[in-house]
Amino acid sequence: MLNNIFENIKINKQDEQFFELLKSDNIRVEKIVSNGQSSPKDFWYEQDENEFVVLLMGEAILEFEDKEYSLKEGDYLNIPKKIRHRVKYTSKNEPTIWLAIFY
């Protein structure tokens, strides 16, 4: 079945939106839509899975304990499991669309 990654994009300044695109025993693919959201102060993700993330639209800053990355459209990162990270910033005037692959 043909689908489009940019379908169902809605502006929601209150909550990020998560769309599960694919899931199997070893991999999960999500589309995440942010509209100015960021991680709460002093909150860190420290996941049990590796995460490969691609920024498809917008801008974002991912913060790690010892550095941060400013991402623009087309940028991607591989985040190994158990590495503490947080979303410091996402675009406030347009949706930020992420493709996240958890493995």
PDB file of N, CA and C in Angstrom:
ATOM      1  N   MET A   1       0.836  -1.173   0.000  1.00  0.00           N
ATOM      2  CA  MET A   1       0.000   0.000   0.000  1.00  0.00           C
ATOM      3  C   MET A   1       0.885   1.242   0.000  1.00  0.00           C
ATOM      4  N   LEU A   2       0.612   2.156  -0.902  1.00  0.00           N
ATOM      5  CA  LEU A   2       1.382   3.392  -1.032  1.00  0.00           C
ATOM      6  C   LEU A   2       0.922   4.415  -0.002  1.00  0.00           C
ATOM      7  N   ASN A   3       1.877   5.028   0.681  1.00  0.00           N
ATOM      8  CA  ASN A   3       1.598   6.082   1.649  1.00  0.00           C
ATOM      9  C   ASN A   3       2.580   7.218   1.426  1.00  0.00           C
ATOM     10  N   ASN A   4       2.325   8.365   2.055  1.00  0.00           N
ATOM     11  CA  ASN A   4       3.191   9.527   1.931  1.00  0.00           C
ATOM     12  C   ASN A   4       3.574   9.992   3.334  1.00  0.00           C
ATOM     13  N   ILE A   5       4.856  10.166   3.572  1.00  0.00           N
ATOM     14  CA  ILE A   5       5.370  10.534   4.899  1.00  0.00           C
ATOM     15  C   ILE A   5       4.843  11.894   5.363  1.00  0.00           C
ATOM     16  N   PHE A   6       4.432  12.749   4.426  1.00  0.00           N
ATOM     17  CA  PHE A   6       3.980  14.094   4.773  1.00  0.00           C
ATOM     18  C   PHE A   6       2.464  14.193   4.942  1.00  0.00           C
ATOM     19  N   GLU A   7       1.746  13.077   4.842  1.00  0.00           N
ATOM     20  CA  GLU A   7       0.306  13.083   5.092  1.00  0.00           C
ATOM     21  C   GLU A   7       0.032  13.214   6.586  1.00  0.00           C
ATOM     22  N   ASN A   8      -1.131  13.729   6.900  1.00  0.00           N
ATOM     23  CA  ASN A   8      -1.613  13.841   8.281  1.00  0.00           C
ATOM     24  C   ASN A   8      -0.729  14.702   9.171  1.00  0.00           C
ATOM     25  N   ILE A   9      -0.108  15.712   8.585  1.00  0.00           N
ATOM     26  CA  ILE A   9       0.688  16.650   9.376  1.00  0.00           C
ATOM     27  C   ILE A   9      -0.258  17.724   9.905  1.00  0.00           C
ATOM     28  N   LYS A  10      -0.355  17.814  11.210  1.00  0.00           N
ATOM     29  CA  LYS A  10      -1.215  18.814  11.829  1.00  0.00           C
ATOM     30  C   LYS A  10      -0.388  19.638  12.793  1.00  0.00           C
ATOM     31  N   ILE A  11      -0.707  20.911  12.873  1.00  0.00           N
ATOM     32  CA  ILE A  11      -0.032  21.782  13.822  1.00  0.00           C
ATOM     33  C   ILE A  11      -0.668  21.564  15.191  1.00  0.00           C
ATOM     34  N   ASN A  12       0.142  21.157  16.147  1.00  0.00           N
ATOM     35  CA  ASN A  12      -0.327  20.954  17.512  1.00  0.00           C
ATOM     36  C   ASN A  12       0.764  21.482  18.441  1.00  0.00           C
ATOM     37  N   LYS A  13       0.580  22.689  18.926  1.00  0.00           N
ATOM     38  CA  LYS A  13       1.591  23.320  19.783  1.00  0.00           C
ATOM     39  C   LYS A  13       1.654  22.686  21.173  1.00  0.00           C
ATOM     40  N   GLN A  14       0.642  21.883  21.537  1.00  0.00           N
ATOM     41  CA  GLN A  14       0.609  21.268  22.864  1.00  0.00           C
ATOM     42  C   GLN A  14       1.405  19.969  22.927  1.00  0.00           C
ATOM     43  N   ASP A  15       1.232  19.114  21.909  1.00  0.00           N
ATOM     44  CA  ASP A  15       1.789  17.767  21.968  1.00  0.00           C
ATOM     45  C   ASP A  15       2.495  17.372  20.680  1.00  0.00           C
ATOM     46  N   GLU A  16       3.590  16.646  20.842  1.00  0.00           N
ATOM     47  CA  GLU A  16       4.199  16.004  19.687  1.00  0.00           C
ATOM     48  C   GLU A  16       3.274  14.886  19.221  1.00  0.00           C
ATOM     49  N   GLN A  17       3.387  14.552  17.937  1.00  0.00           N
ATOM     50  CA  GLN A  17       2.582  13.474  17.377  1.00  0.00           C
ATOM     51  C   GLN A  17       3.517  12.348  16.953  1.00  0.00           C
ATOM     52  N   PHE A  18       3.137  11.113  17.264  1.00  0.00           N
ATOM     53  CA  PHE A  18       3.929   9.936  16.948  1.00  0.00           C
ATOM     54  C   PHE A  18       3.091   9.007  16.075  1.00  0.00           C
ATOM     55  N   PHE A  19       3.655   8.611  14.929  1.00  0.00           N
ATOM     56  CA  PHE A  19       2.976   7.715  13.998  1.00  0.00           C
ATOM     57  C   PHE A  19       3.861   6.496  13.776  1.00  0.00           C
ATOM     58  N   GLU A  20       3.398   5.336  14.180  1.00  0.00           N
ATOM     59  CA  GLU A  20       4.154   4.111  13.940  1.00  0.00           C
ATOM     60  C   GLU A  20       3.947   3.695  12.485  1.00  0.00           C
ATOM     61  N   LEU A  21       5.034   3.641  11.723  1.00  0.00           N
ATOM     62  CA  LEU A  21       4.959   3.307  10.307  1.00  0.00           C
ATOM     63  C   LEU A  21       5.230   1.841  10.037  1.00  0.00           C
ATOM     64  N   LEU A  22       6.073   1.240  10.881  1.00  0.00           N
ATOM     65  CA  LEU A  22       6.464  -0.158  10.690  1.00  0.00           C
ATOM     66  C   LEU A  22       6.951  -0.708  12.021  1.00  0.00           C
ATOM     67  N   LYS A  23       6.592  -1.949  12.293  1.00  0.00           N
ATOM     68  CA  LYS A  23       7.075  -2.585  13.520  1.00  0.00           C
ATOM     69  C   LYS A  23       7.235  -4.074  13.275  1.00  0.00           C
ATOM     70  N   SER A  24       8.378  -4.601  13.717  1.00  0.00           N
ATOM     71  CA  SER A  24       8.616  -6.041  13.711  1.00  0.00           C
ATOM     72  C   SER A  24       9.351  -6.376  15.002  1.00  0.00           C
ATOM     73  N   ASP A  25       9.818  -7.602  15.121  1.00  0.00           N
ATOM     74  CA  ASP A  25      10.522  -8.003  16.348  1.00  0.00           C
ATOM     75  C   ASP A  25      11.800  -7.205  16.589  1.00  0.00           C
ATOM     76  N   ASN A  26      12.478  -6.782  15.510  1.00  0.00           N
ATOM     77  CA  ASN A  26      13.802  -6.173  15.645  1.00  0.00           C
ATOM     78  C   ASN A  26      13.892  -4.710  15.251  1.00  0.00           C
ATOM     79  N   ILE A  27      12.811  -4.147  14.734  1.00  0.00           N
ATOM     80  CA  ILE A  27      12.870  -2.773  14.236  1.00  0.00           C
ATOM     81  C   ILE A  27      11.517  -2.101  14.396  1.00  0.00           C
ATOM     82  N   ARG A  28      11.580  -0.791  14.654  1.00  0.00           N
ATOM     83  CA  ARG A  28      10.367   0.029  14.730  1.00  0.00           C
ATOM     84  C   ARG A  28      10.671   1.338  14.025  1.00  0.00           C
ATOM     85  N   VAL A  29       9.772   1.775  13.144  1.00  0.00           N
ATOM     86  CA  VAL A  29       9.949   3.016  12.396  1.00  0.00           C
ATOM     87  C   VAL A  29       8.803   3.949  12.758  1.00  0.00           C
ATOM     88  N   GLU A  30       9.160   5.170  13.161  1.00  0.00           N
ATOM     89  CA  GLU A  30       8.157   6.157  13.536  1.00  0.00           C
ATOM     90  C   GLU A  30       8.369   7.455  12.783  1.00  0.00           C
ATOM     91  N   LYS A  31       7.272   8.126  12.496  1.00  0.00           N
ATOM     92  CA  LYS A  31       7.302   9.526  12.063  1.00  0.00           C
ATOM     93  C   LYS A  31       6.910  10.324  13.296  1.00  0.00           C
ATOM     94  N   ILE A  32       7.704  11.325  13.619  1.00  0.00           N
ATOM     95  CA  ILE A  32       7.432  12.177  14.771  1.00  0.00           C
ATOM     96  C   ILE A  32       7.270  13.604  14.251  1.00  0.00           C
ATOM     97  N   VAL A  33       6.199  14.265  14.671  1.00  0.00           N
ATOM     98  CA  VAL A  33       5.950  15.646  14.269  1.00  0.00           C
ATOM     99  C   VAL A  33       5.999  16.519  15.520  1.00  0.00           C
ATOM    100  N   SER A  34       6.950  17.441  15.523  1.00  0.00           N
ATOM    101  CA  SER A  34       7.113  18.388  16.635  1.00  0.00           C
ATOM    102  C   SER A  34       6.705  19.772  16.144  1.00  0.00           C
ATOM    103  N   ASN A  35       6.148  20.552  17.022  1.00  0.00           N
ATOM    104  CA  ASN A  35       5.762  21.936  16.709  1.00  0.00           C
ATOM    105  C   ASN A  35       6.224  22.851  17.830  1.00  0.00           C
ATOM    106  N   GLY A  36       7.535  22.948  17.991  1.00  0.00           N
ATOM    107  CA  GLY A  36       8.097  23.790  19.038  1.00  0.00           C
ATOM    108  C   GLY A  36       8.338  23.049  20.340  1.00  0.00           C
ATOM    109  N   GLN A  37       8.023  21.755  20.394  1.00  0.00           N
ATOM    110  CA  GLN A  37       8.246  21.015  21.628  1.00  0.00           C
ATOM    111  C   GLN A  37       9.732  20.733  21.849  1.00  0.00           C
ATOM    112  N   SER A  38      10.075  20.572  23.100  1.00  0.00           N
ATOM    113  CA  SER A  38      11.424  20.166  23.486  1.00  0.00           C
ATOM    114  C   SER A  38      11.300  19.305  24.746  1.00  0.00           C
ATOM    115  N   SER A  39      12.380  18.645  25.095  1.00  0.00           N
ATOM    116  CA  SER A  39      12.364  17.819  26.301  1.00  0.00           C
ATOM    117  C   SER A  39      12.231  18.712  27.533  1.00  0.00           C
ATOM    118  N   PRO A  40      11.536  18.239  28.552  1.00  0.00           N
ATOM    119  CA  PRO A  40      11.446  19.013  29.798  1.00  0.00           C
ATOM    120  C   PRO A  40      12.831  19.248  30.410  1.00  0.00           C
ATOM    121  N   LYS A  41      12.938  20.310  31.154  1.00  0.00           N
ATOM    122  CA  LYS A  41      14.202  20.643  31.827  1.00  0.00           C
ATOM    123  C   LYS A  41      14.649  19.446  32.670  1.00  0.00           C
ATOM    124  N   ASP A  42      15.917  19.114  32.570  1.00  0.00           N
ATOM    125  CA  ASP A  42      16.542  18.018  33.324  1.00  0.00           C
ATOM    126  C   ASP A  42      16.038  16.629  32.937  1.00  0.00           C
ATOM    127  N   PHE A  43      15.298  16.502  31.819  1.00  0.00           N
ATOM    128  CA  PHE A  43      14.853  15.193  31.331  1.00  0.00           C
ATOM    129  C   PHE A  43      15.828  14.693  30.282  1.00  0.00           C
ATOM    130  N   TRP A  44      16.192  13.418  30.367  1.00  0.00           N
ATOM    131  CA  TRP A  44      17.077  12.789  29.394  1.00  0.00           C
ATOM    132  C   TRP A  44      16.468  11.472  28.926  1.00  0.00           C
ATOM    133  N   TYR A  45      16.502  11.238  27.613  1.00  0.00           N
ATOM    134  CA  TYR A  45      16.208   9.907  27.087  1.00  0.00           C
ATOM    135  C   TYR A  45      17.435   9.046  27.334  1.00  0.00           C
ATOM    136  N   GLU A  46      17.209   7.803  27.713  1.00  0.00           N
ATOM    137  CA  GLU A  46      18.293   6.832  27.873  1.00  0.00           C
ATOM    138  C   GLU A  46      17.701   5.472  27.513  1.00  0.00           C
ATOM    139  N   GLN A  47      17.556   5.249  26.219  1.00  0.00           N
ATOM    140  CA  GLN A  47      16.756   4.159  25.669  1.00  0.00           C
ATOM    141  C   GLN A  47      17.484   2.825  25.656  1.00  0.00           C
ATOM    142  N   ASP A  48      16.697   1.762  25.626  1.00  0.00           N
ATOM    143  CA  ASP A  48      17.226   0.403  25.531  1.00  0.00           C
ATOM    144  C   ASP A  48      17.428  -0.043  24.091  1.00  0.00           C
ATOM    145  N   GLU A  49      17.184   0.862  23.119  1.00  0.00           N
ATOM    146  CA  GLU A  49      17.344   0.547  21.702  1.00  0.00           C
ATOM    147  C   GLU A  49      18.254   1.585  21.064  1.00  0.00           C
ATOM    148  N   ASN A  50      18.935   1.199  19.997  1.00  0.00           N
ATOM    149  CA  ASN A  50      19.628   2.168  19.156  1.00  0.00           C
ATOM    150  C   ASN A  50      18.569   2.957  18.408  1.00  0.00           C
ATOM    151  N   GLU A  51      18.886   4.203  18.069  1.00  0.00           N
ATOM    152  CA  GLU A  51      17.950   5.032  17.309  1.00  0.00           C
ATOM    153  C   GLU A  51      18.692   5.754  16.194  1.00  0.00           C
ATOM    154  N   PHE A  52      18.235   5.547  14.975  1.00  0.00           N
ATOM    155  CA  PHE A  52      18.726   6.278  13.815  1.00  0.00           C
ATOM    156  C   PHE A  52      17.651   7.294  13.475  1.00  0.00           C
ATOM    157  N   VAL A  53      17.993   8.585  13.482  1.00  0.00           N
ATOM    158  CA  VAL A  53      17.004   9.636  13.270  1.00  0.00           C
ATOM    159  C   VAL A  53      17.431  10.515  12.092  1.00  0.00           C
ATOM    160  N   VAL A  54      16.445  10.822  11.226  1.00  0.00           N
ATOM    161  CA  VAL A  54      16.647  11.714  10.080  1.00  0.00           C
ATOM    162  C   VAL A  54      15.680  12.875  10.234  1.00  0.00           C
ATOM    163  N   LEU A  55      16.171  14.093  10.056  1.00  0.00           N
ATOM    164  CA  LEU A  55      15.299  15.257  10.089  1.00  0.00           C
ATOM    165  C   LEU A  55      14.823  15.528   8.661  1.00  0.00           C
ATOM    166  N   LEU A  56      13.525  15.356   8.443  1.00  0.00           N
ATOM    167  CA  LEU A  56      12.961  15.512   7.099  1.00  0.00           C
ATOM    168  C   LEU A  56      12.509  16.933   6.809  1.00  0.00           C
ATOM    169  N   MET A  57      12.078  17.652   7.846  1.00  0.00           N
ATOM    170  CA  MET A  57      11.577  19.017   7.665  1.00  0.00           C
ATOM    171  C   MET A  57      11.798  19.784   8.955  1.00  0.00           C
ATOM    172  N   GLY A  58      12.091  21.067   8.836  1.00  0.00           N
ATOM    173  CA  GLY A  58      12.247  21.918  10.011  1.00  0.00           C
ATOM    174  C   GLY A  58      13.674  21.958  10.510  1.00  0.00           C
ATOM    175  N   GLU A  59      13.806  22.363  11.751  1.00  0.00           N
ATOM    176  CA  GLU A  59      15.109  22.454  12.412  1.00  0.00           C
ATOM    177  C   GLU A  59      14.990  21.937  13.837  1.00  0.00           C
ATOM    178  N   ALA A  60      16.101  21.449  14.369  1.00  0.00           N
ATOM    179  CA  ALA A  60      16.098  20.931  15.736  1.00  0.00           C
ATOM    180  C   ALA A  60      17.509  20.980  16.307  1.00  0.00           C
ATOM    181  N   ILE A  61      17.577  20.926  17.617  1.00  0.00           N
ATOM    182  CA  ILE A  61      18.852  20.775  18.309  1.00  0.00           C
ATOM    183  C   ILE A  61      18.716  19.568  19.226  1.00  0.00           C
ATOM    184  N   LEU A  62      19.607  18.596  19.045  1.00  0.00           N
ATOM    185  CA  LEU A  62      19.687  17.445  19.948  1.00  0.00           C
ATOM    186  C   LEU A  62      20.872  17.669  20.865  1.00  0.00           C
ATOM    187  N   GLU A  63      20.642  17.519  22.144  1.00  0.00           N
ATOM    188  CA  GLU A  63      21.675  17.740  23.144  1.00  0.00           C
ATOM    189  C   GLU A  63      22.086  16.408  23.762  1.00  0.00           C
ATOM    190  N   PHE A  64      23.385  16.228  23.889  1.00  0.00           N
ATOM    191  CA  PHE A  64      23.965  15.076  24.574  1.00  0.00           C
ATOM    192  C   PHE A  64      24.715  15.625  25.778  1.00  0.00           C
ATOM    193  N   GLU A  65      25.178  14.766  26.652  1.00  0.00           N
ATOM    194  CA  GLU A  65      25.835  15.247  27.873  1.00  0.00           C
ATOM    195  C   GLU A  65      27.075  16.086  27.589  1.00  0.00           C
ATOM    196  N   ASP A  66      27.775  15.796  26.488  1.00  0.00           N
ATOM    197  CA  ASP A  66      29.036  16.487  26.224  1.00  0.00           C
ATOM    198  C   ASP A  66      29.044  17.325  24.948  1.00  0.00           C
ATOM    199  N   LYS A  67      27.908  17.378  24.211  1.00  0.00           N
ATOM    200  CA  LYS A  67      27.851  18.183  22.987  1.00  0.00           C
ATOM    201  C   LYS A  67      26.416  18.316  22.539  1.00  0.00           C
ATOM    202  N   GLU A  68      26.206  19.168  21.537  1.00  0.00           N
ATOM    203  CA  GLU A  68      24.896  19.272  20.931  1.00  0.00           C
ATOM    204  C   GLU A  68      25.047  19.396  19.429  1.00  0.00           C
ATOM    205  N   TYR A  69      23.993  18.998  18.726  1.00  0.00           N
ATOM    206  CA  TYR A  69      23.977  19.026  17.266  1.00  0.00           C
ATOM    207  C   TYR A  69      22.786  19.848  16.799  1.00  0.00           C
ATOM    208  N   SER A  70      23.053  20.820  15.923  1.00  0.00           N
ATOM    209  CA  SER A  70      21.987  21.564  15.259  1.00  0.00           C
ATOM    210  C   SER A  70      21.665  20.832  13.971  1.00  0.00           C
ATOM    211  N   LEU A  71      20.440  20.379  13.846  1.00  0.00           N
ATOM    212  CA  LEU A  71      20.031  19.614  12.670  1.00  0.00           C
ATOM    213  C   LEU A  71      19.161  20.464  11.757  1.00  0.00           C
ATOM    214  N   LYS A  72      19.389  20.318  10.475  1.00  0.00           N
ATOM    215  CA  LYS A  72      18.549  20.927   9.452  1.00  0.00           C
ATOM    216  C   LYS A  72      18.058  19.809   8.543  1.00  0.00           C
ATOM    217  N   GLU A  73      17.179  20.141   7.632  1.00  0.00           N
ATOM    218  CA  GLU A  73      16.586  19.140   6.753  1.00  0.00           C
ATOM    219  C   GLU A  73      17.657  18.278   6.091  1.00  0.00           C
ATOM    220  N   GLY A  74      17.485  16.973   6.183  1.00  0.00           N
ATOM    221  CA  GLY A  74      18.406  16.017   5.583  1.00  0.00           C
ATOM    222  C   GLY A  74      19.479  15.496   6.520  1.00  0.00           C
ATOM    223  N   ASP A  75      19.685  16.155   7.658  1.00  0.00           N
ATOM    224  CA  ASP A  75      20.699  15.694   8.612  1.00  0.00           C
ATOM    225  C   ASP A  75      20.209  14.442   9.344  1.00  0.00           C
ATOM    226  N   TYR A  76      21.151  13.585   9.695  1.00  0.00           N
ATOM    227  CA  TYR A  76      20.796  12.372  10.433  1.00  0.00           C
ATOM    228  C   TYR A  76      21.875  12.022  11.443  1.00  0.00           C
ATOM    229  N   LEU A  77      21.454  11.280  12.459  1.00  0.00           N
ATOM    230  CA  LEU A  77      22.351  10.822  13.524  1.00  0.00           C
ATOM    231  C   LEU A  77      21.985   9.401  13.911  1.00  0.00           C
ATOM    232  N   ASN A  78      22.979   8.649  14.316  1.00  0.00           N
ATOM    233  CA  ASN A  78      22.746   7.352  14.933  1.00  0.00           C
ATOM    234  C   ASN A  78      23.034   7.506  16.421  1.00  0.00           C
ATOM    235  N   ILE A  79      22.052   7.197  17.234  1.00  0.00           N
ATOM    236  CA  ILE A  79      22.195   7.348  18.681  1.00  0.00           C
ATOM    237  C   ILE A  79      22.247   5.954  19.298  1.00  0.00           C
ATOM    238  N   PRO A  80      23.415   5.530  19.769  1.00  0.00           N
ATOM    239  CA  PRO A  80      23.516   4.198  20.387  1.00  0.00           C
ATOM    240  C   PRO A  80      22.643   4.099  21.637  1.00  0.00           C
ATOM    241  N   LYS A  81      22.191   2.884  21.921  1.00  0.00           N
ATOM    242  CA  LYS A  81      21.368   2.684  23.116  1.00  0.00           C
ATOM    243  C   LYS A  81      22.133   3.108  24.361  1.00  0.00           C
ATOM    244  N   LYS A  82      21.384   3.543  25.352  1.00  0.00           N
ATOM    245  CA  LYS A  82      21.895   3.967  26.663  1.00  0.00           C
ATOM    246  C   LYS A  82      22.659   5.293  26.636  1.00  0.00           C
ATOM    247  N   ILE A  83      22.709   5.975  25.492  1.00  0.00           N
ATOM    248  CA  ILE A  83      23.362   7.283  25.428  1.00  0.00           C
ATOM    249  C   ILE A  83      22.334   8.348  25.810  1.00  0.00           C
ATOM    250  N   ARG A  84      22.631   9.107  26.842  1.00  0.00           N
ATOM    251  CA  ARG A  84      21.701  10.140  27.299  1.00  0.00           C
ATOM    252  C   ARG A  84      21.635  11.272  26.293  1.00  0.00           C
ATOM    253  N   HIS A  85      20.395  11.628  25.931  1.00  0.00           N
ATOM    254  CA  HIS A  85      20.179  12.716  24.980  1.00  0.00           C
ATOM    255  C   HIS A  85      18.812  13.335  25.221  1.00  0.00           C
ATOM    256  N   ARG A  86      18.616  14.518  24.673  1.00  0.00           N
ATOM    257  CA  ARG A  86      17.353  15.229  24.822  1.00  0.00           C
ATOM    258  C   ARG A  86      17.137  16.145  23.627  1.00  0.00           C
ATOM    259  N   VAL A  87      15.896  16.516  23.406  1.00  0.00           N
ATOM    260  CA  VAL A  87      15.561  17.476  22.355  1.00  0.00           C
ATOM    261  C   VAL A  87      15.575  18.858  22.995  1.00  0.00           C
ATOM    262  N   LYS A  88      16.542  19.672  22.582  1.00  0.00           N
ATOM    263  CA  LYS A  88      16.686  21.010  23.166  1.00  0.00           C
ATOM    264  C   LYS A  88      15.786  22.024  22.463  1.00  0.00           C
ATOM    265  N   TYR A  89      15.530  21.811  21.161  1.00  0.00           N
ATOM    266  CA  TYR A  89      14.773  22.799  20.374  1.00  0.00           C
ATOM    267  C   TYR A  89      14.176  22.136  19.140  1.00  0.00           C
ATOM    268  N   THR A  90      12.967  22.539  18.768  1.00  0.00           N
ATOM    269  CA  THR A  90      12.387  22.242  17.454  1.00  0.00           C
ATOM    270  C   THR A  90      11.757  23.522  16.925  1.00  0.00           C
ATOM    271  N   SER A  91      11.643  23.625  15.608  1.00  0.00           N
ATOM    272  CA  SER A  91      11.098  24.820  14.955  1.00  0.00           C
ATOM    273  C   SER A  91       9.760  25.216  15.559  1.00  0.00           C
ATOM    274  N   LYS A  92       9.587  26.506  15.777  1.00  0.00           N
ATOM    275  CA  LYS A  92       8.347  26.999  16.361  1.00  0.00           C
ATOM    276  C   LYS A  92       7.359  27.488  15.303  1.00  0.00           C
ATOM    277  N   ASN A  93       7.832  27.807  14.104  1.00  0.00           N
ATOM    278  CA  ASN A  93       6.970  28.389  13.072  1.00  0.00           C
ATOM    279  C   ASN A  93       6.605  27.425  11.960  1.00  0.00           C
ATOM    280  N   GLU A  94       7.102  26.212  12.037  1.00  0.00           N
ATOM    281  CA  GLU A  94       6.769  25.181  11.050  1.00  0.00           C
ATOM    282  C   GLU A  94       6.945  23.827  11.724  1.00  0.00           C
ATOM    283  N   PRO A  95       6.271  22.801  11.212  1.00  0.00           N
ATOM    284  CA  PRO A  95       6.464  21.474  11.803  1.00  0.00           C
ATOM    285  C   PRO A  95       7.905  20.993  11.619  1.00  0.00           C
ATOM    286  N   THR A  96       8.397  20.287  12.614  1.00  0.00           N
ATOM    287  CA  THR A  96       9.653  19.566  12.507  1.00  0.00           C
ATOM    288  C   THR A  96       9.268  18.094  12.361  1.00  0.00           C
ATOM    289  N   ILE A  97       9.677  17.482  11.263  1.00  0.00           N
ATOM    290  CA  ILE A  97       9.293  16.099  10.991  1.00  0.00           C
ATOM    291  C   ILE A  97      10.537  15.223  11.054  1.00  0.00           C
ATOM    292  N   TRP A  98      10.458  14.228  11.924  1.00  0.00           N
ATOM    293  CA  TRP A  98      11.542  13.283  12.147  1.00  0.00           C
ATOM    294  C   TRP A  98      11.138  11.928  11.599  1.00  0.00           C
ATOM    295  N   LEU A  99      12.097  11.170  11.084  1.00  0.00           N
ATOM    296  CA  LEU A  99      11.937   9.757  10.820  1.00  0.00           C
ATOM    297  C   LEU A  99      12.876   9.056  11.791  1.00  0.00           C
ATOM    298  N   ALA A 100      12.326   8.260  12.695  1.00  0.00           N
ATOM    299  CA  ALA A 100      13.122   7.591  13.719  1.00  0.00           C
ATOM    300  C   ALA A 100      13.034   6.080  13.514  1.00  0.00           C
ATOM    301  N   ILE A 101      14.199   5.462  13.457  1.00  0.00           N
ATOM    302  CA  ILE A 101      14.290   3.999  13.288  1.00  0.00           C
ATOM    303  C   ILE A 101      14.939   3.449  14.544  1.00  0.00           C
ATOM    304  N   PHE A 102      14.185   2.659  15.282  1.00  0.00           N
ATOM    305  CA  PHE A 102      14.662   2.054  16.512  1.00  0.00           C
ATOM    306  C   PHE A 102      15.031   0.599  16.208  1.00  0.00           C
ATOM    307  N   TYR A 103      16.232   0.191  16.632  1.00  0.00           N
ATOM    308  CA  TYR A 103      16.673  -1.188  16.341  1.00  0.00           C
ATOM    309  C   TYR A 103      17.540  -1.731  17.451  1.00  0.00           C
TER     310      TYR A 103
END
